[in-house]
């Protein structure tokens, strides 16, 4: 029913660590992100199978800091409609909320519109008759037409001509909005996926020379030491980063220091690590900009660790281009 392949584990890591959201765990078959229903168990609507999945998934969620006892594991059958809106006699052994009730219990998160703008680019297009259009999701702050934005890590600064979502012009884009915005006098080749747009007049984003992160090793076959250079997935960037220095080994629950300057970290260990990107990269501290301050460590085609960024050493761009439209606005 549930395939414990690394793809399944990666999915839970993504949900728990990359999203840091309220979590409803629906009983399902997860094999390369495919869902199946409770009516597909043997025997149908099996409590024993449900308990097995709760135990296995719960132990995995605990590794990344969640308390499984506070997470509703909701058994459903989407095909038959069991336990989705109303309680089902097929699942009379289950005493928790239905799917609808569990969804209603989630508190809507506050959109961080009061913070400075951070918009990681997902892609960049050249549209005939319009020009260069970067696309991405507003993570924090507001994006408006006429705003002068800076793209990190290069420091390119220009004016936003227009903002659109679903082919409709917007006067203001809020956190969570996936938008395309037209920028003046910028070529497509000047922007890339992983760049971050920010307000040039309000804490503009900059390249990270290095950063310190709290890391939990989840699934590495050996030991991780100084010099290890895996790929980091942070917001929309996918860049190799060097573990420059293992600073401390800590208890992952209490945060208490267990060892200073450890020689290595292995599965189940947590620690503070100084990291240096091998290419220009933009990250932020988790406390200030959560969507840009959490990451997954990828190696050997799997997720081997997850972490949050505690501090960043930034550096100013050299030879940053400022378009004429942006210069007029200053």
C-alpha atoms as a PDB file:
ATOM      1  CA  UNK A   1       0.000   0.000   0.000  1.00  0.00           C
ATOM      2  CA  UNK A   2       2.763   2.407   0.854  1.00  0.00           C
ATOM      3  CA  UNK A   3       6.078   2.107  -0.963  1.00  0.00           C
ATOM      4  CA  UNK A   4       8.975   3.156   1.275  1.00  0.00           C
ATOM      5  CA  UNK A   5      11.140   4.241  -1.585  1.00  0.00           C
ATOM      6  CA  UNK A   6      13.306   7.320  -1.316  1.00  0.00           C
ATOM      7  CA  UNK A   7      10.859   9.163  -3.529  1.00  0.00           C
ATOM      8  CA  UNK A   8       8.225   8.751  -0.817  1.00  0.00           C
ATOM      9  CA  UNK A   9      10.624   9.942   1.864  1.00  0.00           C
ATOM     10  CA  UNK A  10      11.656  12.885  -0.300  1.00  0.00           C
ATOM     11  CA  UNK A  11       8.017  13.885  -0.589  1.00  0.00           C
ATOM     12  CA  UNK A  12       7.577  13.978   3.180  1.00  0.00           C
ATOM     13  CA  UNK A  13      10.834  15.878   3.571  1.00  0.00           C
ATOM     14  CA  UNK A  14       9.639  18.425   1.049  1.00  0.00           C
ATOM     15  CA  UNK A  15       6.335  18.911   2.817  1.00  0.00           C
ATOM     16  CA  UNK A  16       7.830  19.069   6.308  1.00  0.00           C
ATOM     17  CA  UNK A  17      10.966  21.065   5.671  1.00  0.00           C
ATOM     18  CA  UNK A  18      10.525  23.008   2.479  1.00  0.00           C
ATOM     19  CA  UNK A  19       7.012  24.164   3.247  1.00  0.00           C
ATOM     20  CA  UNK A  20       6.936  24.391   7.056  1.00  0.00           C
ATOM     21  CA  UNK A  21       3.140  24.388   6.781  1.00  0.00           C
ATOM     22  CA  UNK A  22       0.254  22.932   8.722  1.00  0.00           C
ATOM     23  CA  UNK A  23       0.248  19.239   7.912  1.00  0.00           C
ATOM     24  CA  UNK A  24      -2.697  16.955   7.291  1.00  0.00           C
ATOM     25  CA  UNK A  25      -1.528  13.435   6.584  1.00  0.00           C
ATOM     26  CA  UNK A  26      -4.034  11.533   4.441  1.00  0.00           C
ATOM     27  CA  UNK A  27      -3.765   7.744   4.393  1.00  0.00           C
ATOM     28  CA  UNK A  28      -2.688   6.940   0.882  1.00  0.00           C
ATOM     29  CA  UNK A  29      -0.518   4.962  -1.450  1.00  0.00           C
ATOM     30  CA  UNK A  30       2.484   7.112  -2.258  1.00  0.00           C
ATOM     31  CA  UNK A  31       4.592   5.758  -5.061  1.00  0.00           C
ATOM     32  CA  UNK A  32       6.154   8.532  -7.109  1.00  0.00           C
ATOM     33  CA  UNK A  33       3.417  10.843  -5.752  1.00  0.00           C
ATOM     34  CA  UNK A  34       0.473   8.591  -6.769  1.00  0.00           C
ATOM     35  CA  UNK A  35      -2.541   8.408  -4.412  1.00  0.00           C
ATOM     36  CA  UNK A  36      -4.716   5.400  -3.669  1.00  0.00           C
ATOM     37  CA  UNK A  37      -7.689   4.941  -1.273  1.00  0.00           C
ATOM     38  CA  UNK A  38      -8.639   3.010   1.831  1.00  0.00           C
ATOM     39  CA  UNK A  39     -10.928   0.799  -0.245  1.00  0.00           C
ATOM     40  CA  UNK A  40      -7.791  -0.587  -1.941  1.00  0.00           C
ATOM     41  CA  UNK A  41      -6.336  -2.180   1.210  1.00  0.00           C
ATOM     42  CA  UNK A  42      -6.406  -5.927   1.903  1.00  0.00           C
ATOM     43  CA  UNK A  43      -8.821  -6.402   3.533  1.00  0.00           C
ATOM     44  CA  UNK A  44     -10.730  -3.258   2.594  1.00  0.00           C
ATOM     45  CA  UNK A  45     -10.636  -0.422   5.118  1.00  0.00           C
ATOM     46  CA  UNK A  46      -7.978  -2.228   7.153  1.00  0.00           C
ATOM     47  CA  UNK A  47      -7.242  -0.659  10.557  1.00  0.00           C
ATOM     48  CA  UNK A  48      -4.072  -2.743  10.864  1.00  0.00           C
ATOM     49  CA  UNK A  49      -2.700  -1.248   7.640  1.00  0.00           C
ATOM     50  CA  UNK A  50      -3.690   2.222   8.750  1.00  0.00           C
ATOM     51  CA  UNK A  51      -1.865   1.765  12.071  1.00  0.00           C
ATOM     52  CA  UNK A  52       1.220   0.514  10.227  1.00  0.00           C
ATOM     53  CA  UNK A  53       1.370   3.595   8.024  1.00  0.00           C
ATOM     54  CA  UNK A  54       0.753   5.961  10.944  1.00  0.00           C
ATOM     55  CA  UNK A  55       3.647   4.372  12.841  1.00  0.00           C
ATOM     56  CA  UNK A  56       6.097   4.451   9.918  1.00  0.00           C
ATOM     57  CA  UNK A  57       5.237   7.928   8.653  1.00  0.00           C
ATOM     58  CA  UNK A  58       5.003   9.288  12.185  1.00  0.00           C
ATOM     59  CA  UNK A  59       8.537   8.166  13.003  1.00  0.00           C
ATOM     60  CA  UNK A  60       9.807   9.856   9.858  1.00  0.00           C
ATOM     61  CA  UNK A  61       7.976  13.105  10.593  1.00  0.00           C
ATOM     62  CA  UNK A  62       9.446  13.085  14.101  1.00  0.00           C
ATOM     63  CA  UNK A  63      12.939  13.163  12.582  1.00  0.00           C
ATOM     64  CA  UNK A  64      12.274  16.557  11.030  1.00  0.00           C
ATOM     65  CA  UNK A  65      10.849  18.082  14.195  1.00  0.00           C
ATOM     66  CA  UNK A  66       7.100  17.419  14.027  1.00  0.00           C
ATOM     67  CA  UNK A  67       5.028  15.852  16.799  1.00  0.00           C
ATOM     68  CA  UNK A  68       2.992  13.090  15.084  1.00  0.00           C
ATOM     69  CA  UNK A  69       0.559  13.037  18.019  1.00  0.00           C
ATOM     70  CA  UNK A  70      -0.629  16.494  16.982  1.00  0.00           C
ATOM     71  CA  UNK A  71      -1.070  15.605  13.314  1.00  0.00           C
ATOM     72  CA  UNK A  72      -4.411  14.178  12.144  1.00  0.00           C
ATOM     73  CA  UNK A  73      -3.901  11.083  10.016  1.00  0.00           C
ATOM     74  CA  UNK A  74      -7.167  10.946   8.084  1.00  0.00           C
ATOM     75  CA  UNK A  75      -8.171   7.668   6.381  1.00  0.00           C
ATOM     76  CA  UNK A  76     -10.301   8.300   3.285  1.00  0.00           C
ATOM     77  CA  UNK A  77     -11.496   6.815   0.045  1.00  0.00           C
ATOM     78  CA  UNK A  78     -11.750   9.453  -2.628  1.00  0.00           C
ATOM     79  CA  UNK A  79     -13.363   7.045  -5.069  1.00  0.00           C
ATOM     80  CA  UNK A  80     -16.043   5.867  -2.652  1.00  0.00           C
ATOM     81  CA  UNK A  81     -16.291   9.155  -0.751  1.00  0.00           C
ATOM     82  CA  UNK A  82     -15.539   7.573   2.623  1.00  0.00           C
ATOM     83  CA  UNK A  83     -14.676   9.982   5.443  1.00  0.00           C
ATOM     84  CA  UNK A  84     -14.190  12.996   3.197  1.00  0.00           C
ATOM     85  CA  UNK A  85     -17.228  15.095   4.133  1.00  0.00           C
ATOM     86  CA  UNK A  86     -19.236  12.726   6.332  1.00  0.00           C
ATOM     87  CA  UNK A  87     -18.199   9.859   8.568  1.00  0.00           C
ATOM     88  CA  UNK A  88     -18.233   6.408   7.000  1.00  0.00           C
ATOM     89  CA  UNK A  89     -19.497   3.168   8.559  1.00  0.00           C
ATOM     90  CA  UNK A  90     -16.637   1.453   6.687  1.00  0.00           C
ATOM     91  CA  UNK A  91     -14.225   3.335   8.953  1.00  0.00           C
ATOM     92  CA  UNK A  92     -16.138   3.099  12.241  1.00  0.00           C
ATOM     93  CA  UNK A  93     -12.881   2.279  14.060  1.00  0.00           C
ATOM     94  CA  UNK A  94     -11.549   5.756  13.236  1.00  0.00           C
ATOM     95  CA  UNK A  95     -12.515   8.440  15.779  1.00  0.00           C
ATOM     96  CA  UNK A  96     -10.623  11.463  14.378  1.00  0.00           C
ATOM     97  CA  UNK A  97     -11.848  14.267  12.104  1.00  0.00           C
ATOM     98  CA  UNK A  98     -13.071  13.810   8.551  1.00  0.00           C
ATOM     99  CA  UNK A  99     -11.008  15.380   5.786  1.00  0.00           C
ATOM    100  CA  UNK A 100     -13.286  18.420   5.666  1.00  0.00           C
ATOM    101  CA  UNK A 101     -13.161  18.848   9.439  1.00  0.00           C
ATOM    102  CA  UNK A 102      -9.367  18.574   9.429  1.00  0.00           C
ATOM    103  CA  UNK A 103      -9.125  21.208   6.702  1.00  0.00           C
ATOM    104  CA  UNK A 104     -11.400  23.510   8.681  1.00  0.00           C
ATOM    105  CA  UNK A 105      -9.047  23.235  11.673  1.00  0.00           C
ATOM    106  CA  UNK A 106      -6.137  24.792   9.785  1.00  0.00           C
ATOM    107  CA  UNK A 107      -5.509  28.416  10.659  1.00  0.00           C
ATOM    108  CA  UNK A 108      -4.925  30.635   7.659  1.00  0.00           C
ATOM    109  CA  UNK A 109      -1.330  31.916   7.772  1.00  0.00           C
ATOM    110  CA  UNK A 110      -0.696  35.639   7.802  1.00  0.00           C
ATOM    111  CA  UNK A 111       0.722  36.848   4.520  1.00  0.00           C
ATOM    112  CA  UNK A 112       4.074  38.593   5.164  1.00  0.00           C
ATOM    113  CA  UNK A 113       3.161  41.660   3.099  1.00  0.00           C
ATOM    114  CA  UNK A 114       4.774  43.974   5.679  1.00  0.00           C
ATOM    115  CA  UNK A 115       8.249  42.622   4.948  1.00  0.00           C
ATOM    116  CA  UNK A 116      10.529  43.847   2.124  1.00  0.00           C
ATOM    117  CA  UNK A 117       9.927  42.282  -1.289  1.00  0.00           C
ATOM    118  CA  UNK A 118      11.462  38.902  -2.091  1.00  0.00           C
ATOM    119  CA  UNK A 119      10.479  37.198  -5.357  1.00  0.00           C
ATOM    120  CA  UNK A 120      12.619  34.228  -6.511  1.00  0.00           C
ATOM    121  CA  UNK A 121      12.469  33.828 -10.290  1.00  0.00           C
ATOM    122  CA  UNK A 122      11.099  30.566 -11.660  1.00  0.00           C
ATOM    123  CA  UNK A 123      11.643  31.433 -15.316  1.00  0.00           C
ATOM    124  CA  UNK A 124      12.222  34.312 -17.740  1.00  0.00           C
ATOM    125  CA  UNK A 125      10.398  34.817 -21.035  1.00  0.00           C
ATOM    126  CA  UNK A 126      10.664  37.127 -24.016  1.00  0.00           C
ATOM    127  CA  UNK A 127       7.184  37.973 -25.262  1.00  0.00           C
ATOM    128  CA  UNK A 128       6.705  39.655 -28.604  1.00  0.00           C
ATOM    129  CA  UNK A 129       5.374  43.187 -28.324  1.00  0.00           C
ATOM    130  CA  UNK A 130       5.940  43.244 -24.570  1.00  0.00           C
ATOM    131  CA  UNK A 131       9.573  42.413 -23.843  1.00  0.00           C
ATOM    132  CA  UNK A 132      11.290  40.565 -21.031  1.00  0.00           C
ATOM    133  CA  UNK A 133       8.931  38.983 -18.497  1.00  0.00           C
ATOM    134  CA  UNK A 134      10.349  37.277 -15.379  1.00  0.00           C
ATOM    135  CA  UNK A 135       7.952  34.872 -13.648  1.00  0.00           C
ATOM    136  CA  UNK A 136       7.837  33.831 -10.010  1.00  0.00           C
ATOM    137  CA  UNK A 137       5.932  33.802  -6.745  1.00  0.00           C
ATOM    138  CA  UNK A 138       5.935  36.742  -4.378  1.00  0.00           C
ATOM    139  CA  UNK A 139       7.233  35.277  -1.121  1.00  0.00           C
ATOM    140  CA  UNK A 140       7.284  38.432   1.001  1.00  0.00           C
ATOM    141  CA  UNK A 141       6.398  42.078   0.497  1.00  0.00           C
ATOM    142  CA  UNK A 142       4.517  43.703  -2.376  1.00  0.00           C
ATOM    143  CA  UNK A 143       5.241  44.075  -6.090  1.00  0.00           C
ATOM    144  CA  UNK A 144       3.738  47.055  -7.933  1.00  0.00           C
ATOM    145  CA  UNK A 145       4.043  48.623 -11.402  1.00  0.00           C
ATOM    146  CA  UNK A 146       6.499  51.531 -11.311  1.00  0.00           C
ATOM    147  CA  UNK A 147       8.583  49.943  -8.551  1.00  0.00           C
ATOM    148  CA  UNK A 148      12.352  49.909  -9.036  1.00  0.00           C
ATOM    149  CA  UNK A 149      13.589  46.372  -8.401  1.00  0.00           C
ATOM    150  CA  UNK A 150      17.055  44.898  -7.943  1.00  0.00           C
ATOM    151  CA  UNK A 151      17.834  41.381  -9.108  1.00  0.00           C
ATOM    152  CA  UNK A 152      20.344  39.571  -6.913  1.00  0.00           C
ATOM    153  CA  UNK A 153      23.003  38.241  -7.105  1.00  0.00           C
ATOM    154  CA  UNK A 154      24.031  40.460 -10.063  1.00  0.00           C
ATOM    155  CA  UNK A 155      22.598  43.701  -8.682  1.00  0.00           C
ATOM    156  CA  UNK A 156      20.834  44.553 -11.957  1.00  0.00           C
ATOM    157  CA  UNK A 157      18.342  47.343 -11.239  1.00  0.00           C
ATOM    158  CA  UNK A 158      15.388  48.334 -13.396  1.00  0.00           C
ATOM    159  CA  UNK A 159      11.772  49.500 -13.321  1.00  0.00           C
ATOM    160  CA  UNK A 160       8.702  47.267 -13.340  1.00  0.00           C
ATOM    161  CA  UNK A 161       6.413  48.311 -16.205  1.00  0.00           C
ATOM    162  CA  UNK A 162       3.472  46.043 -15.427  1.00  0.00           C
ATOM    163  CA  UNK A 163       2.415  43.071 -13.298  1.00  0.00           C
ATOM    164  CA  UNK A 164       0.066  40.290 -14.440  1.00  0.00           C
ATOM    165  CA  UNK A 165      -1.462  37.164 -12.930  1.00  0.00           C
ATOM    166  CA  UNK A 166      -3.496  34.749 -15.064  1.00  0.00           C
ATOM    167  CA  UNK A 167      -3.373  37.283 -17.924  1.00  0.00           C
ATOM    168  CA  UNK A 168      -4.970  39.984 -15.794  1.00  0.00           C
ATOM    169  CA  UNK A 169      -3.198  43.233 -14.983  1.00  0.00           C
ATOM    170  CA  UNK A 170      -2.591  43.814 -11.278  1.00  0.00           C
ATOM    171  CA  UNK A 171      -1.929  47.028  -9.397  1.00  0.00           C
ATOM    172  CA  UNK A 172      -0.395  45.093  -6.529  1.00  0.00           C
ATOM    173  CA  UNK A 173       0.881  41.518  -6.099  1.00  0.00           C
ATOM    174  CA  UNK A 174       0.780  39.987  -2.608  1.00  0.00           C
ATOM    175  CA  UNK A 175       2.697  37.096  -1.013  1.00  0.00           C
ATOM    176  CA  UNK A 176       1.539  33.826  -2.546  1.00  0.00           C
ATOM    177  CA  UNK A 177       0.711  35.361  -5.937  1.00  0.00           C
ATOM    178  CA  UNK A 178       2.366  33.733  -8.957  1.00  0.00           C
ATOM    179  CA  UNK A 179       2.986  36.608 -11.320  1.00  0.00           C
ATOM    180  CA  UNK A 180       4.745  37.683 -14.468  1.00  0.00           C
ATOM    181  CA  UNK A 181       6.120  41.212 -14.573  1.00  0.00           C
ATOM    182  CA  UNK A 182       7.501  43.201 -17.486  1.00  0.00           C
ATOM    183  CA  UNK A 183      10.822  44.971 -16.859  1.00  0.00           C
ATOM    184  CA  UNK A 184      12.363  47.784 -18.897  1.00  0.00           C
ATOM    185  CA  UNK A 185      15.621  47.593 -20.876  1.00  0.00           C
ATOM    186  CA  UNK A 186      16.603  44.113 -19.658  1.00  0.00           C
ATOM    187  CA  UNK A 187      17.554  41.201 -21.915  1.00  0.00           C
ATOM    188  CA  UNK A 188      16.380  37.659 -21.191  1.00  0.00           C
ATOM    189  CA  UNK A 189      20.000  36.499 -20.882  1.00  0.00           C
ATOM    190  CA  UNK A 190      20.536  38.951 -18.010  1.00  0.00           C
ATOM    191  CA  UNK A 191      18.139  37.039 -15.737  1.00  0.00           C
ATOM    192  CA  UNK A 192      18.035  33.399 -14.651  1.00  0.00           C
ATOM    193  CA  UNK A 193      16.010  30.992 -12.541  1.00  0.00           C
ATOM    194  CA  UNK A 194      17.153  31.337  -8.933  1.00  0.00           C
ATOM    195  CA  UNK A 195      17.698  35.103  -9.107  1.00  0.00           C
ATOM    196  CA  UNK A 196      15.725  37.079  -6.522  1.00  0.00           C
ATOM    197  CA  UNK A 197      13.867  40.319  -7.219  1.00  0.00           C
ATOM    198  CA  UNK A 198      13.626  42.849  -4.389  1.00  0.00           C
ATOM    199  CA  UNK A 199      12.743  46.494  -3.824  1.00  0.00           C
ATOM    200  CA  UNK A 200      15.898  48.519  -4.517  1.00  0.00           C
ATOM    201  CA  UNK A 201      14.908  51.016  -1.804  1.00  0.00           C
ATOM    202  CA  UNK A 202      13.982  48.564   0.953  1.00  0.00           C
ATOM    203  CA  UNK A 203      16.612  46.038   2.072  1.00  0.00           C
ATOM    204  CA  UNK A 204      17.526  44.824  -1.443  1.00  0.00           C
ATOM    205  CA  UNK A 205      18.641  41.197  -1.731  1.00  0.00           C
ATOM    206  CA  UNK A 206      22.357  40.496  -2.185  1.00  0.00           C
ATOM    207  CA  UNK A 207      24.620  37.580  -3.018  1.00  0.00           C
ATOM    208  CA  UNK A 208      25.609  35.327  -0.134  1.00  0.00           C
ATOM    209  CA  UNK A 209      29.376  34.979   0.276  1.00  0.00           C
ATOM    210  CA  UNK A 210      28.765  32.340   2.960  1.00  0.00           C
ATOM    211  CA  UNK A 211      26.115  31.376   5.469  1.00  0.00           C
ATOM    212  CA  UNK A 212      25.687  29.367   8.653  1.00  0.00           C
ATOM    213  CA  UNK A 213      22.883  26.809   8.809  1.00  0.00           C
ATOM    214  CA  UNK A 214      21.394  24.354  11.242  1.00  0.00           C
ATOM    215  CA  UNK A 215      21.365  21.008   9.421  1.00  0.00           C
ATOM    216  CA  UNK A 216      19.811  17.615  10.162  1.00  0.00           C
ATOM    217  CA  UNK A 217      21.362  14.624   8.373  1.00  0.00           C
ATOM    218  CA  UNK A 218      18.499  12.407   7.215  1.00  0.00           C
ATOM    219  CA  UNK A 219      19.651   9.826   4.721  1.00  0.00           C
ATOM    220  CA  UNK A 220      23.381   9.730   3.966  1.00  0.00           C
ATOM    221  CA  UNK A 221      25.097   6.346   3.607  1.00  0.00           C
ATOM    222  CA  UNK A 222      28.373   7.541   5.117  1.00  0.00           C
ATOM    223  CA  UNK A 223      29.822  10.418   7.076  1.00  0.00           C
ATOM    224  CA  UNK A 224      29.761  14.107   6.142  1.00  0.00           C
ATOM    225  CA  UNK A 225      32.857  16.158   6.886  1.00  0.00           C
ATOM    226  CA  UNK A 226      34.492  19.447   5.945  1.00  0.00           C
ATOM    227  CA  UNK A 227      34.719  19.889   2.177  1.00  0.00           C
ATOM    228  CA  UNK A 228      31.544  17.964   1.350  1.00  0.00           C
ATOM    229  CA  UNK A 229      29.921  19.641  -1.692  1.00  0.00           C
ATOM    230  CA  UNK A 230      26.343  18.531  -2.420  1.00  0.00           C
ATOM    231  CA  UNK A 231      23.606  20.472  -4.248  1.00  0.00           C
ATOM    232  CA  UNK A 232      21.340  22.777  -2.258  1.00  0.00           C
ATOM    233  CA  UNK A 233      17.703  23.301  -3.251  1.00  0.00           C
ATOM    234  CA  UNK A 234      16.732  26.634  -1.736  1.00  0.00           C
ATOM    235  CA  UNK A 235      13.660  28.493  -3.083  1.00  0.00           C
ATOM    236  CA  UNK A 236      14.112  28.201  -6.891  1.00  0.00           C
ATOM    237  CA  UNK A 237      17.904  27.882  -6.903  1.00  0.00           C
ATOM    238  CA  UNK A 238      19.735  24.582  -7.399  1.00  0.00           C
ATOM    239  CA  UNK A 239      23.418  25.187  -6.691  1.00  0.00           C
ATOM    240  CA  UNK A 240      26.335  23.156  -5.322  1.00  0.00           C
ATOM    241  CA  UNK A 241      27.436  24.360  -1.895  1.00  0.00           C
ATOM    242  CA  UNK A 242      30.553  23.443   0.039  1.00  0.00           C
ATOM    243  CA  UNK A 243      30.329  22.418   3.698  1.00  0.00           C
ATOM    244  CA  UNK A 244      33.270  24.633   4.580  1.00  0.00           C
ATOM    245  CA  UNK A 245      33.325  24.006   8.325  1.00  0.00           C
ATOM    246  CA  UNK A 246      31.378  21.827  10.755  1.00  0.00           C
ATOM    247  CA  UNK A 247      30.993  24.251  13.660  1.00  0.00           C
ATOM    248  CA  UNK A 248      29.095  22.284  16.289  1.00  0.00           C
ATOM    249  CA  UNK A 249      27.131  19.089  16.770  1.00  0.00           C
ATOM    250  CA  UNK A 250      23.887  19.640  18.672  1.00  0.00           C
ATOM    251  CA  UNK A 251      20.983  17.731  20.159  1.00  0.00           C
ATOM    252  CA  UNK A 252      18.340  18.109  17.496  1.00  0.00           C
ATOM    253  CA  UNK A 253      15.488  18.356  19.998  1.00  0.00           C
ATOM    254  CA  UNK A 254      16.885  20.671  22.670  1.00  0.00           C
ATOM    255  CA  UNK A 255      19.495  22.484  20.535  1.00  0.00           C
ATOM    256  CA  UNK A 256      22.120  21.903  23.238  1.00  0.00           C
ATOM    257  CA  UNK A 257      25.701  21.718  21.995  1.00  0.00           C
ATOM    258  CA  UNK A 258      27.122  18.194  22.182  1.00  0.00           C
ATOM    259  CA  UNK A 259      30.493  18.689  20.484  1.00  0.00           C
ATOM    260  CA  UNK A 260      32.499  21.610  19.155  1.00  0.00           C
ATOM    261  CA  UNK A 261      34.132  21.334  15.709  1.00  0.00           C
ATOM    262  CA  UNK A 262      33.114  17.704  15.086  1.00  0.00           C
ATOM    263  CA  UNK A 263      35.085  15.764  12.489  1.00  0.00           C
ATOM    264  CA  UNK A 264      31.928  14.447  10.852  1.00  0.00           C
ATOM    265  CA  UNK A 265      28.128  14.224  10.978  1.00  0.00           C
ATOM    266  CA  UNK A 266      26.166  11.071  10.187  1.00  0.00           C
ATOM    267  CA  UNK A 267      22.529   9.975   9.900  1.00  0.00           C
ATOM    268  CA  UNK A 268      20.405  11.363  12.726  1.00  0.00           C
ATOM    269  CA  UNK A 269      22.970  14.014  13.685  1.00  0.00           C
ATOM    270  CA  UNK A 270      22.248  17.732  13.735  1.00  0.00           C
ATOM    271  CA  UNK A 271      24.714  20.565  13.750  1.00  0.00           C
ATOM    272  CA  UNK A 272      25.676  24.060  12.701  1.00  0.00           C
ATOM    273  CA  UNK A 273      27.622  24.234   9.458  1.00  0.00           C
ATOM    274  CA  UNK A 274      29.309  27.092   7.625  1.00  0.00           C
ATOM    275  CA  UNK A 275      28.558  26.809   3.908  1.00  0.00           C
ATOM    276  CA  UNK A 276      30.036  28.507   0.847  1.00  0.00           C
ATOM    277  CA  UNK A 277      28.159  28.492  -2.498  1.00  0.00           C
ATOM    278  CA  UNK A 278      30.226  27.416  -5.505  1.00  0.00           C
ATOM    279  CA  UNK A 279      28.300  29.865  -7.723  1.00  0.00           C
ATOM    280  CA  UNK A 280      26.570  33.183  -6.995  1.00  0.00           C
ATOM    281  CA  UNK A 281      23.535  32.429  -4.840  1.00  0.00           C
ATOM    282  CA  UNK A 282      20.924  34.359  -2.880  1.00  0.00           C
ATOM    283  CA  UNK A 283      19.715  33.122   0.516  1.00  0.00           C
ATOM    284  CA  UNK A 284      18.306  34.803   3.617  1.00  0.00           C
ATOM    285  CA  UNK A 285      17.993  33.915   7.282  1.00  0.00           C
ATOM    286  CA  UNK A 286      14.958  31.824   8.150  1.00  0.00           C
ATOM    287  CA  UNK A 287      13.969  34.268  10.890  1.00  0.00           C
ATOM    288  CA  UNK A 288      13.715  37.204   8.456  1.00  0.00           C
ATOM    289  CA  UNK A 289      12.601  35.569   5.205  1.00  0.00           C
ATOM    290  CA  UNK A 290      11.449  31.973   5.879  1.00  0.00           C
ATOM    291  CA  UNK A 291      10.844  30.961   2.224  1.00  0.00           C
ATOM    292  CA  UNK A 292      14.455  31.864   1.362  1.00  0.00           C
ATOM    293  CA  UNK A 293      15.932  30.482   4.568  1.00  0.00           C
ATOM    294  CA  UNK A 294      15.175  26.745   4.362  1.00  0.00           C
ATOM    295  CA  UNK A 295      16.691  24.161   2.091  1.00  0.00           C
ATOM    296  CA  UNK A 296      17.110  20.520   1.170  1.00  0.00           C
ATOM    297  CA  UNK A 297      20.527  18.945   0.569  1.00  0.00           C
ATOM    298  CA  UNK A 298      20.575  16.679  -2.484  1.00  0.00           C
ATOM    299  CA  UNK A 299      23.196  14.055  -3.282  1.00  0.00           C
ATOM    300  CA  UNK A 300      23.167  10.677  -5.032  1.00  0.00           C
ATOM    301  CA  UNK A 301      19.739  11.537  -6.476  1.00  0.00           C
ATOM    302  CA  UNK A 302      18.138  11.726  -3.056  1.00  0.00           C
ATOM    303  CA  UNK A 303      17.591  14.128  -0.174  1.00  0.00           C
ATOM    304  CA  UNK A 304      20.336  13.531   2.375  1.00  0.00           C
ATOM    305  CA  UNK A 305      19.744  16.464   4.742  1.00  0.00           C
ATOM    306  CA  UNK A 306      17.539  19.458   5.450  1.00  0.00           C
ATOM    307  CA  UNK A 307      18.218  22.713   7.200  1.00  0.00           C
ATOM    308  CA  UNK A 308      17.453  26.318   8.021  1.00  0.00           C
ATOM    309  CA  UNK A 309      19.754  29.304   7.631  1.00  0.00           C
ATOM    310  CA  UNK A 310      20.749  31.143  10.810  1.00  0.00           C
ATOM    311  CA  UNK A 311      23.068  33.872   9.501  1.00  0.00           C
ATOM    312  CA  UNK A 312      24.296  35.143   6.133  1.00  0.00           C
ATOM    313  CA  UNK A 313      27.450  36.980   5.150  1.00  0.00           C
ATOM    314  CA  UNK A 314      26.450  39.094   2.154  1.00  0.00           C
ATOM    315  CA  UNK A 315      28.585  40.842  -0.406  1.00  0.00           C
ATOM    316  CA  UNK A 316      27.860  43.838  -2.600  1.00  0.00           C
ATOM    317  CA  UNK A 317      27.701  43.289  -6.371  1.00  0.00           C
ATOM    318  CA  UNK A 318      30.488  44.660  -8.555  1.00  0.00           C
ATOM    319  CA  UNK A 319      29.706  46.455 -11.797  1.00  0.00           C
ATOM    320  CA  UNK A 320      25.957  46.228 -11.253  1.00  0.00           C
ATOM    321  CA  UNK A 321      23.910  47.568 -14.160  1.00  0.00           C
ATOM    322  CA  UNK A 322      21.251  50.248 -13.569  1.00  0.00           C
ATOM    323  CA  UNK A 323      18.899  50.821 -16.491  1.00  0.00           C
ATOM    324  CA  UNK A 324      17.923  54.329 -17.631  1.00  0.00           C
ATOM    325  CA  UNK A 325      14.375  53.823 -16.397  1.00  0.00           C
ATOM    326  CA  UNK A 326      15.644  52.971 -12.923  1.00  0.00           C
ATOM    327  CA  UNK A 327      18.087  55.892 -12.893  1.00  0.00           C
ATOM    328  CA  UNK A 328      15.253  58.339 -13.643  1.00  0.00           C
ATOM    329  CA  UNK A 329      13.286  57.032 -10.672  1.00  0.00           C
ATOM    330  CA  UNK A 330      16.108  57.650  -8.207  1.00  0.00           C
END
